[in-house]
């Protein structure tokens, strides 16, 4: 007796709802002054759009996350020009702390549920922030760029699609006196045999490679009949490095001056203006 075996090939197919979704994120451009004392905040927006068949559910839950761009470092995004960079980060809302970071992990994604109602399309939009911290080293002026990828996921975290958006940071040449000079306090006795001196320091921060000069409205003056002179050390000019550069204002009153004080003790003051030019 012969037996023949008949094999059966079984196909299993998982029925998937026909809802299709996509996300778009606006590209962000901002002008950044790294010498400014406050952080730079620029707001962009995202939109999630879904289309369904009439037989599909009328709600859909989604998640939207972003990566750290093309040149990340230490958990931050970075825009780049040549080999120079500025750091920034993406946030879902303020305050800008760990709980509000916009990333692509559970707890850092935007989430929501679309309600179609009787419609076959539905969408949701919202804002996000790009933040550049204050006090970053001032690089050469120019246009710095990055590309960030946003990934749309379903409620279970499965990726549906992704799209890219640009972050552009434009910087211009800039300088500031970021550490102000203090007062010059002289003590002088009429006809004293040696000069009196006083000094104070201040800090200048300028874009890398930017030449600058510094000058007083007047480098000398007379106070209580005493002539004083001012000078900047090590020089009255420099080239920006992006970091704070320290200078000293040196003041002197030459010896053997009588002054005009008619009592045992006199005090007086004058205001001088220091101008930074670039």
C-alpha atoms as a PDB file:
ATOM      1  CA  UNK A   1       0.000   0.000   0.000  1.00  0.00           C
ATOM      2  CA  UNK A   2       1.323   3.372  -0.900  1.00  0.00           C
ATOM      3  CA  UNK A   3       0.595   6.523   0.955  1.00  0.00           C
ATOM      4  CA  UNK A   4       1.090   9.942  -0.427  1.00  0.00           C
ATOM      5  CA  UNK A   5       1.427  12.997   1.738  1.00  0.00           C
ATOM      6  CA  UNK A   6      -0.326  16.167   0.797  1.00  0.00           C
ATOM      7  CA  UNK A   7       1.265  19.244   2.252  1.00  0.00           C
ATOM      8  CA  UNK A   8      -0.678  22.336   3.095  1.00  0.00           C
ATOM      9  CA  UNK A   9       1.040  25.742   2.999  1.00  0.00           C
ATOM     10  CA  UNK A  10      -0.728  28.132   5.296  1.00  0.00           C
ATOM     11  CA  UNK A  11      -0.463  31.885   4.828  1.00  0.00           C
ATOM     12  CA  UNK A  12      -1.079  34.169   7.754  1.00  0.00           C
ATOM     13  CA  UNK A  13      -1.851  37.822   7.070  1.00  0.00           C
ATOM     14  CA  UNK A  14      -2.176  40.511   9.687  1.00  0.00           C
ATOM     15  CA  UNK A  15      -4.893  42.987   8.928  1.00  0.00           C
ATOM     16  CA  UNK A  16      -3.610  46.532   9.313  1.00  0.00           C
ATOM     17  CA  UNK A  17      -5.788  49.618   9.482  1.00  0.00           C
ATOM     18  CA  UNK A  18      -5.359  51.821   6.442  1.00  0.00           C
ATOM     19  CA  UNK A  19      -4.684  55.016   8.404  1.00  0.00           C
ATOM     20  CA  UNK A  20      -1.654  56.771   6.926  1.00  0.00           C
ATOM     21  CA  UNK A  21       0.139  59.598   8.726  1.00  0.00           C
ATOM     22  CA  UNK A  22       2.948  62.036   8.146  1.00  0.00           C
ATOM     23  CA  UNK A  23       4.632  64.802  10.113  1.00  0.00           C
ATOM     24  CA  UNK A  24       6.194  68.059   8.972  1.00  0.00           C
ATOM     25  CA  UNK A  25       8.418  70.341  11.022  1.00  0.00           C
ATOM     26  CA  UNK A  26       9.265  73.916  10.088  1.00  0.00           C
ATOM     27  CA  UNK A  27      12.894  74.768   9.457  1.00  0.00           C
ATOM     28  CA  UNK A  28      14.246  77.307  11.938  1.00  0.00           C
ATOM     29  CA  UNK A  29      16.553  80.258  11.236  1.00  0.00           C
ATOM     30  CA  UNK A  30      17.808  82.575  13.954  1.00  0.00           C
ATOM     31  CA  UNK A  31      20.359  85.363  14.365  1.00  0.00           C
ATOM     32  CA  UNK A  32      22.577  84.659  17.362  1.00  0.00           C
ATOM     33  CA  UNK A  33      24.884  86.984  19.261  1.00  0.00           C
ATOM     34  CA  UNK A  34      27.208  84.811  21.374  1.00  0.00           C
ATOM     35  CA  UNK A  35      28.321  87.874  23.354  1.00  0.00           C
ATOM     36  CA  UNK A  36      24.793  88.547  24.605  1.00  0.00           C
ATOM     37  CA  UNK A  37      24.069  87.845  28.246  1.00  0.00           C
ATOM     38  CA  UNK A  38      20.760  86.053  27.619  1.00  0.00           C
ATOM     39  CA  UNK A  39      19.956  82.792  25.846  1.00  0.00           C
ATOM     40  CA  UNK A  40      18.551  82.827  22.321  1.00  0.00           C
ATOM     41  CA  UNK A  41      15.080  81.255  21.957  1.00  0.00           C
ATOM     42  CA  UNK A  42      13.426  80.666  18.567  1.00  0.00           C
ATOM     43  CA  UNK A  43      10.063  78.966  18.146  1.00  0.00           C
ATOM     44  CA  UNK A  44       9.164  76.581  15.332  1.00  0.00           C
ATOM     45  CA  UNK A  45       6.137  74.377  14.732  1.00  0.00           C
ATOM     46  CA  UNK A  46       5.214  70.809  13.819  1.00  0.00           C
ATOM     47  CA  UNK A  47       2.112  69.324  12.191  1.00  0.00           C
ATOM     48  CA  UNK A  48       0.914  65.717  12.285  1.00  0.00           C
ATOM     49  CA  UNK A  49      -1.594  64.784   9.554  1.00  0.00           C
ATOM     50  CA  UNK A  50      -3.450  61.482   9.147  1.00  0.00           C
ATOM     51  CA  UNK A  51      -5.813  60.089   6.507  1.00  0.00           C
ATOM     52  CA  UNK A  52      -8.125  57.114   7.070  1.00  0.00           C
ATOM     53  CA  UNK A  53     -10.717  55.010   5.278  1.00  0.00           C
ATOM     54  CA  UNK A  54     -14.316  55.180   6.385  1.00  0.00           C
ATOM     55  CA  UNK A  55     -13.943  51.712   7.877  1.00  0.00           C
ATOM     56  CA  UNK A  56     -10.950  52.675  10.029  1.00  0.00           C
ATOM     57  CA  UNK A  57     -11.152  53.802  13.660  1.00  0.00           C
ATOM     58  CA  UNK A  58     -11.917  57.488  14.134  1.00  0.00           C
ATOM     59  CA  UNK A  59      -9.076  58.087  16.605  1.00  0.00           C
ATOM     60  CA  UNK A  60      -5.331  57.636  16.252  1.00  0.00           C
ATOM     61  CA  UNK A  61      -2.652  58.102  18.925  1.00  0.00           C
ATOM     62  CA  UNK A  62       0.804  59.293  17.850  1.00  0.00           C
ATOM     63  CA  UNK A  63       4.261  60.229  19.126  1.00  0.00           C
ATOM     64  CA  UNK A  64       6.742  62.637  17.514  1.00  0.00           C
ATOM     65  CA  UNK A  65      10.443  62.689  18.408  1.00  0.00           C
ATOM     66  CA  UNK A  66      13.664  64.204  17.081  1.00  0.00           C
ATOM     67  CA  UNK A  67      17.295  63.102  16.981  1.00  0.00           C
ATOM     68  CA  UNK A  68      20.342  65.179  17.957  1.00  0.00           C
ATOM     69  CA  UNK A  69      21.170  66.290  14.419  1.00  0.00           C
ATOM     70  CA  UNK A  70      24.237  65.643  12.294  1.00  0.00           C
ATOM     71  CA  UNK A  71      26.996  66.631  14.731  1.00  0.00           C
ATOM     72  CA  UNK A  72      25.799  65.940  18.289  1.00  0.00           C
ATOM     73  CA  UNK A  73      27.983  66.135  21.377  1.00  0.00           C
ATOM     74  CA  UNK A  74      27.229  65.368  25.023  1.00  0.00           C
ATOM     75  CA  UNK A  75      23.494  65.146  24.380  1.00  0.00           C
ATOM     76  CA  UNK A  76      23.325  68.506  22.589  1.00  0.00           C
ATOM     77  CA  UNK A  77      22.750  69.397  18.967  1.00  0.00           C
ATOM     78  CA  UNK A  78      25.345  71.529  17.191  1.00  0.00           C
ATOM     79  CA  UNK A  79      25.222  73.793  14.165  1.00  0.00           C
ATOM     80  CA  UNK A  80      28.432  73.919  12.173  1.00  0.00           C
ATOM     81  CA  UNK A  81      30.341  76.117   9.739  1.00  0.00           C
ATOM     82  CA  UNK A  82      33.658  74.711   8.552  1.00  0.00           C
ATOM     83  CA  UNK A  83      35.065  73.192  11.757  1.00  0.00           C
ATOM     84  CA  UNK A  84      33.439  75.719  14.111  1.00  0.00           C
ATOM     85  CA  UNK A  85      30.241  74.988  16.021  1.00  0.00           C
ATOM     86  CA  UNK A  86      27.605  76.341  18.369  1.00  0.00           C
ATOM     87  CA  UNK A  87      25.542  74.119  20.663  1.00  0.00           C
ATOM     88  CA  UNK A  88      21.762  74.243  20.896  1.00  0.00           C
ATOM     89  CA  UNK A  89      18.930  72.012  22.031  1.00  0.00           C
ATOM     90  CA  UNK A  90      15.313  71.256  21.189  1.00  0.00           C
ATOM     91  CA  UNK A  91      12.536  71.691  23.748  1.00  0.00           C
ATOM     92  CA  UNK A  92       8.842  70.862  23.872  1.00  0.00           C
ATOM     93  CA  UNK A  93       8.108  73.781  26.201  1.00  0.00           C
ATOM     94  CA  UNK A  94       9.658  75.934  28.892  1.00  0.00           C
ATOM     95  CA  UNK A  95      11.095  75.895  31.498  1.00  0.00           C
ATOM     96  CA  UNK A  96      14.057  74.328  29.739  1.00  0.00           C
ATOM     97  CA  UNK A  97      14.822  71.460  32.077  1.00  0.00           C
ATOM     98  CA  UNK A  98      15.177  67.715  31.647  1.00  0.00           C
ATOM     99  CA  UNK A  99      11.441  67.118  31.934  1.00  0.00           C
ATOM    100  CA  UNK A 100      10.700  69.315  28.915  1.00  0.00           C
ATOM    101  CA  UNK A 101      13.434  68.273  26.481  1.00  0.00           C
ATOM    102  CA  UNK A 102      12.304  67.247  22.989  1.00  0.00           C
ATOM    103  CA  UNK A 103      14.041  64.032  22.022  1.00  0.00           C
ATOM    104  CA  UNK A 104      13.131  60.609  20.705  1.00  0.00           C
ATOM    105  CA  UNK A 105      12.710  58.540  23.833  1.00  0.00           C
ATOM    106  CA  UNK A 106       9.659  57.721  25.921  1.00  0.00           C
ATOM    107  CA  UNK A 107       8.879  60.825  27.921  1.00  0.00           C
ATOM    108  CA  UNK A 108      10.639  63.259  25.586  1.00  0.00           C
ATOM    109  CA  UNK A 109       8.393  62.911  22.506  1.00  0.00           C
ATOM    110  CA  UNK A 110       5.347  64.985  21.719  1.00  0.00           C
ATOM    111  CA  UNK A 111       2.247  62.799  22.058  1.00  0.00           C
ATOM    112  CA  UNK A 112      -1.371  63.215  21.092  1.00  0.00           C
ATOM    113  CA  UNK A 113      -4.544  61.603  19.808  1.00  0.00           C
ATOM    114  CA  UNK A 114      -6.247  62.658  16.589  1.00  0.00           C
ATOM    115  CA  UNK A 115     -10.034  62.572  16.568  1.00  0.00           C
ATOM    116  CA  UNK A 116     -11.422  62.212  13.050  1.00  0.00           C
ATOM    117  CA  UNK A 117     -15.071  62.400  13.963  1.00  0.00           C
ATOM    118  CA  UNK A 118     -16.939  61.874  10.682  1.00  0.00           C
ATOM    119  CA  UNK A 119     -13.996  63.197   8.635  1.00  0.00           C
ATOM    120  CA  UNK A 120     -11.414  61.120   6.792  1.00  0.00           C
ATOM    121  CA  UNK A 121      -8.570  63.510   7.640  1.00  0.00           C
ATOM    122  CA  UNK A 122      -7.328  65.014  10.883  1.00  0.00           C
ATOM    123  CA  UNK A 123      -4.282  66.997  11.954  1.00  0.00           C
ATOM    124  CA  UNK A 124      -2.661  68.475  15.026  1.00  0.00           C
ATOM    125  CA  UNK A 125      -0.059  71.223  15.300  1.00  0.00           C
ATOM    126  CA  UNK A 126       2.045  72.694  18.056  1.00  0.00           C
ATOM    127  CA  UNK A 127       5.120  74.797  18.839  1.00  0.00           C
ATOM    128  CA  UNK A 128       8.617  73.817  19.881  1.00  0.00           C
ATOM    129  CA  UNK A 129      11.668  75.855  20.877  1.00  0.00           C
ATOM    130  CA  UNK A 130      15.264  75.949  19.701  1.00  0.00           C
ATOM    131  CA  UNK A 131      17.523  77.349  22.442  1.00  0.00           C
ATOM    132  CA  UNK A 132      21.141  78.504  22.167  1.00  0.00           C
ATOM    133  CA  UNK A 133      22.738  79.122  25.540  1.00  0.00           C
ATOM    134  CA  UNK A 134      24.328  82.480  26.314  1.00  0.00           C
ATOM    135  CA  UNK A 135      28.052  82.792  26.816  1.00  0.00           C
ATOM    136  CA  UNK A 136      29.263  80.384  24.142  1.00  0.00           C
ATOM    137  CA  UNK A 137      32.702  81.014  22.683  1.00  0.00           C
ATOM    138  CA  UNK A 138      32.220  83.559  19.874  1.00  0.00           C
ATOM    139  CA  UNK A 139      33.236  81.865  16.625  1.00  0.00           C
ATOM    140  CA  UNK A 140      33.876  83.657  13.300  1.00  0.00           C
ATOM    141  CA  UNK A 141      30.809  85.398  11.902  1.00  0.00           C
ATOM    142  CA  UNK A 142      28.900  83.323   9.361  1.00  0.00           C
ATOM    143  CA  UNK A 143      26.058  80.866   8.766  1.00  0.00           C
ATOM    144  CA  UNK A 144      26.002  77.697  10.878  1.00  0.00           C
ATOM    145  CA  UNK A 145      23.702  74.811   9.953  1.00  0.00           C
ATOM    146  CA  UNK A 146      22.388  71.472  11.129  1.00  0.00           C
ATOM    147  CA  UNK A 147      19.788  68.967   9.928  1.00  0.00           C
ATOM    148  CA  UNK A 148      17.475  67.291  12.426  1.00  0.00           C
ATOM    149  CA  UNK A 149      15.326  64.235  11.709  1.00  0.00           C
ATOM    150  CA  UNK A 150      11.837  64.009  13.187  1.00  0.00           C
ATOM    151  CA  UNK A 151      10.280  60.544  13.501  1.00  0.00           C
ATOM    152  CA  UNK A 152       6.533  59.952  13.762  1.00  0.00           C
ATOM    153  CA  UNK A 153       5.488  56.844  15.699  1.00  0.00           C
ATOM    154  CA  UNK A 154       2.270  55.110  16.639  1.00  0.00           C
ATOM    155  CA  UNK A 155       1.136  54.703  20.237  1.00  0.00           C
ATOM    156  CA  UNK A 156       3.346  51.634  20.617  1.00  0.00           C
ATOM    157  CA  UNK A 157       6.466  53.490  19.523  1.00  0.00           C
ATOM    158  CA  UNK A 158       6.679  51.886  16.069  1.00  0.00           C
ATOM    159  CA  UNK A 159       8.077  54.324  13.493  1.00  0.00           C
ATOM    160  CA  UNK A 160       5.613  55.359  10.799  1.00  0.00           C
ATOM    161  CA  UNK A 161       7.715  57.807   8.827  1.00  0.00           C
ATOM    162  CA  UNK A 162      10.380  60.465   9.239  1.00  0.00           C
ATOM    163  CA  UNK A 163      11.181  63.878   7.830  1.00  0.00           C
ATOM    164  CA  UNK A 164      14.088  66.297   8.151  1.00  0.00           C
ATOM    165  CA  UNK A 165      14.176  69.995   8.960  1.00  0.00           C
ATOM    166  CA  UNK A 166      17.008  72.528   8.942  1.00  0.00           C
ATOM    167  CA  UNK A 167      18.339  74.604  11.812  1.00  0.00           C
ATOM    168  CA  UNK A 168      20.271  77.674  10.648  1.00  0.00           C
ATOM    169  CA  UNK A 169      22.118  80.046  12.965  1.00  0.00           C
ATOM    170  CA  UNK A 170      23.444  83.314  11.544  1.00  0.00           C
ATOM    171  CA  UNK A 171      26.057  85.219  13.515  1.00  0.00           C
ATOM    172  CA  UNK A 172      27.536  88.637  12.881  1.00  0.00           C
ATOM    173  CA  UNK A 173      30.733  90.226  14.162  1.00  0.00           C
ATOM    174  CA  UNK A 174      30.187  91.509  17.661  1.00  0.00           C
ATOM    175  CA  UNK A 175      32.089  92.810  20.693  1.00  0.00           C
ATOM    176  CA  UNK A 176      31.139  93.697  24.231  1.00  0.00           C
ATOM    177  CA  UNK A 177      32.686  94.788  27.493  1.00  0.00           C
ATOM    178  CA  UNK A 178      31.411  91.802  29.447  1.00  0.00           C
ATOM    179  CA  UNK A 179      33.278  92.603  32.678  1.00  0.00           C
ATOM    180  CA  UNK A 180      32.960  96.297  33.528  1.00  0.00           C
ATOM    181  CA  UNK A 181      35.904  98.244  34.958  1.00  0.00           C
ATOM    182  CA  UNK A 182      35.788  99.409  38.543  1.00  0.00           C
ATOM    183  CA  UNK A 183      36.759 102.776  40.010  1.00  0.00           C
ATOM    184  CA  UNK A 184      40.289 104.157  40.210  1.00  0.00           C
ATOM    185  CA  UNK A 185      40.848 105.327  43.787  1.00  0.00           C
ATOM    186  CA  UNK A 186      43.867 107.578  44.368  1.00  0.00           C
ATOM    187  CA  UNK A 187      45.329 108.760  47.646  1.00  0.00           C
ATOM    188  CA  UNK A 188      47.574 111.814  47.209  1.00  0.00           C
ATOM    189  CA  UNK A 189      49.368 114.215  49.526  1.00  0.00           C
ATOM    190  CA  UNK A 190      50.356 117.639  48.203  1.00  0.00           C
ATOM    191  CA  UNK A 191      53.946 117.761  46.944  1.00  0.00           C
ATOM    192  CA  UNK A 192      54.512 114.058  47.624  1.00  0.00           C
ATOM    193  CA  UNK A 193      57.858 112.852  46.285  1.00  0.00           C
ATOM    194  CA  UNK A 194      56.599 109.864  44.271  1.00  0.00           C
ATOM    195  CA  UNK A 195      53.748 109.374  41.834  1.00  0.00           C
ATOM    196  CA  UNK A 196      50.425 107.938  42.998  1.00  0.00           C
ATOM    197  CA  UNK A 197      48.938 105.064  41.057  1.00  0.00           C
ATOM    198  CA  UNK A 198      45.701 103.069  40.873  1.00  0.00           C
ATOM    199  CA  UNK A 199      44.359 100.406  38.552  1.00  0.00           C
ATOM    200  CA  UNK A 200      41.294  98.362  37.672  1.00  0.00           C
ATOM    201  CA  UNK A 201      40.654  95.505  35.262  1.00  0.00           C
ATOM    202  CA  UNK A 202      37.872  94.799  32.768  1.00  0.00           C
ATOM    203  CA  UNK A 203      37.008  92.124  30.221  1.00  0.00           C
ATOM    204  CA  UNK A 204      36.308  92.270  26.475  1.00  0.00           C
ATOM    205  CA  UNK A 205      34.722  89.445  24.497  1.00  0.00           C
ATOM    206  CA  UNK A 206      34.656  89.610  20.680  1.00  0.00           C
ATOM    207  CA  UNK A 207      33.973  87.312  17.747  1.00  0.00           C
ATOM    208  CA  UNK A 208      36.960  85.135  16.862  1.00  0.00           C
ATOM    209  CA  UNK A 209      39.325  86.929  14.476  1.00  0.00           C
ATOM    210  CA  UNK A 210      37.635  90.332  14.843  1.00  0.00           C
ATOM    211  CA  UNK A 211      40.067  93.266  15.369  1.00  0.00           C
ATOM    212  CA  UNK A 212      38.981  95.917  17.878  1.00  0.00           C
ATOM    213  CA  UNK A 213      40.267  99.056  19.593  1.00  0.00           C
ATOM    214  CA  UNK A 214      39.585 100.754  22.919  1.00  0.00           C
ATOM    215  CA  UNK A 215      39.851 104.432  23.834  1.00  0.00           C
ATOM    216  CA  UNK A 216      38.924 106.894  26.591  1.00  0.00           C
ATOM    217  CA  UNK A 217      36.944 110.057  25.958  1.00  0.00           C
ATOM    218  CA  UNK A 218      39.994 111.695  27.548  1.00  0.00           C
ATOM    219  CA  UNK A 219      43.195 109.976  28.636  1.00  0.00           C
ATOM    220  CA  UNK A 220      44.024 112.716  31.143  1.00  0.00           C
ATOM    221  CA  UNK A 221      42.253 115.243  33.315  1.00  0.00           C
ATOM    222  CA  UNK A 222      42.503 117.456  36.373  1.00  0.00           C
ATOM    223  CA  UNK A 223      40.810 116.738  39.659  1.00  0.00           C
ATOM    224  CA  UNK A 224      41.251 118.950  42.768  1.00  0.00           C
ATOM    225  CA  UNK A 225      44.092 120.654  40.911  1.00  0.00           C
ATOM    226  CA  UNK A 226      45.902 117.342  40.358  1.00  0.00           C
ATOM    227  CA  UNK A 227      46.604 116.127  36.819  1.00  0.00           C
ATOM    228  CA  UNK A 228      46.111 112.431  36.228  1.00  0.00           C
ATOM    229  CA  UNK A 229      46.793 110.189  33.227  1.00  0.00           C
ATOM    230  CA  UNK A 230      45.162 106.949  32.092  1.00  0.00           C
ATOM    231  CA  UNK A 231      46.521 104.106  29.961  1.00  0.00           C
ATOM    232  CA  UNK A 232      45.280 100.680  28.861  1.00  0.00           C
ATOM    233  CA  UNK A 233      47.514  97.650  29.348  1.00  0.00           C
ATOM    234  CA  UNK A 234      48.791  95.549  27.638  1.00  0.00           C
ATOM    235  CA  UNK A 235      47.562  97.599  24.645  1.00  0.00           C
ATOM    236  CA  UNK A 236      44.566  99.570  23.440  1.00  0.00           C
ATOM    237  CA  UNK A 237      43.747  97.107  20.658  1.00  0.00           C
ATOM    238  CA  UNK A 238      43.295  93.391  20.165  1.00  0.00           C
ATOM    239  CA  UNK A 239      41.808  90.586  18.102  1.00  0.00           C
ATOM    240  CA  UNK A 240      38.834  88.604  19.334  1.00  0.00           C
ATOM    241  CA  UNK A 241      39.293  85.011  20.448  1.00  0.00           C
ATOM    242  CA  UNK A 242      35.666  84.327  21.374  1.00  0.00           C
ATOM    243  CA  UNK A 243      36.653  84.208  25.047  1.00  0.00           C
ATOM    244  CA  UNK A 244      36.932  87.051  27.554  1.00  0.00           C
ATOM    245  CA  UNK A 245      40.219  88.950  27.237  1.00  0.00           C
ATOM    246  CA  UNK A 246      41.341  90.910  30.296  1.00  0.00           C
ATOM    247  CA  UNK A 247      42.751  94.443  30.200  1.00  0.00           C
ATOM    248  CA  UNK A 248      43.947  96.836  32.882  1.00  0.00           C
ATOM    249  CA  UNK A 249      43.356 100.574  33.189  1.00  0.00           C
ATOM    250  CA  UNK A 250      46.392 102.129  34.877  1.00  0.00           C
ATOM    251  CA  UNK A 251      46.098 105.608  36.359  1.00  0.00           C
ATOM    252  CA  UNK A 252      48.919 107.833  37.626  1.00  0.00           C
ATOM    253  CA  UNK A 253      49.222 111.241  39.296  1.00  0.00           C
ATOM    254  CA  UNK A 254      52.744 112.642  38.967  1.00  0.00           C
ATOM    255  CA  UNK A 255      54.728 113.644  42.040  1.00  0.00           C
ATOM    256  CA  UNK A 256      55.283 117.199  43.344  1.00  0.00           C
ATOM    257  CA  UNK A 257      51.827 118.583  42.535  1.00  0.00           C
ATOM    258  CA  UNK A 258      50.252 120.972  45.050  1.00  0.00           C
ATOM    259  CA  UNK A 259      46.563 120.496  44.251  1.00  0.00           C
ATOM    260  CA  UNK A 260      43.826 122.892  45.315  1.00  0.00           C
ATOM    261  CA  UNK A 261      42.628 121.306  48.546  1.00  0.00           C
ATOM    262  CA  UNK A 262      42.159 124.060  51.157  1.00  0.00           C
ATOM    263  CA  UNK A 263      41.477 121.750  54.096  1.00  0.00           C
ATOM    264  CA  UNK A 264      43.102 118.743  55.716  1.00  0.00           C
ATOM    265  CA  UNK A 265      41.143 116.309  53.533  1.00  0.00           C
ATOM    266  CA  UNK A 266      39.401 116.741  50.190  1.00  0.00           C
ATOM    267  CA  UNK A 267      37.613 114.276  47.915  1.00  0.00           C
ATOM    268  CA  UNK A 268      36.485 114.561  44.321  1.00  0.00           C
ATOM    269  CA  UNK A 269      35.532 112.404  41.358  1.00  0.00           C
ATOM    270  CA  UNK A 270      35.245 112.474  37.579  1.00  0.00           C
ATOM    271  CA  UNK A 271      33.636 110.082  35.146  1.00  0.00           C
ATOM    272  CA  UNK A 272      35.538 108.855  32.108  1.00  0.00           C
ATOM    273  CA  UNK A 273      34.026 106.875  29.212  1.00  0.00           C
ATOM    274  CA  UNK A 274      35.709 103.809  27.718  1.00  0.00           C
ATOM    275  CA  UNK A 275      34.652 103.073  24.113  1.00  0.00           C
ATOM    276  CA  UNK A 276      35.077  99.714  22.418  1.00  0.00           C
ATOM    277  CA  UNK A 277      35.144  99.879  18.596  1.00  0.00           C
ATOM    278  CA  UNK A 278      35.299  97.178  15.910  1.00  0.00           C
END
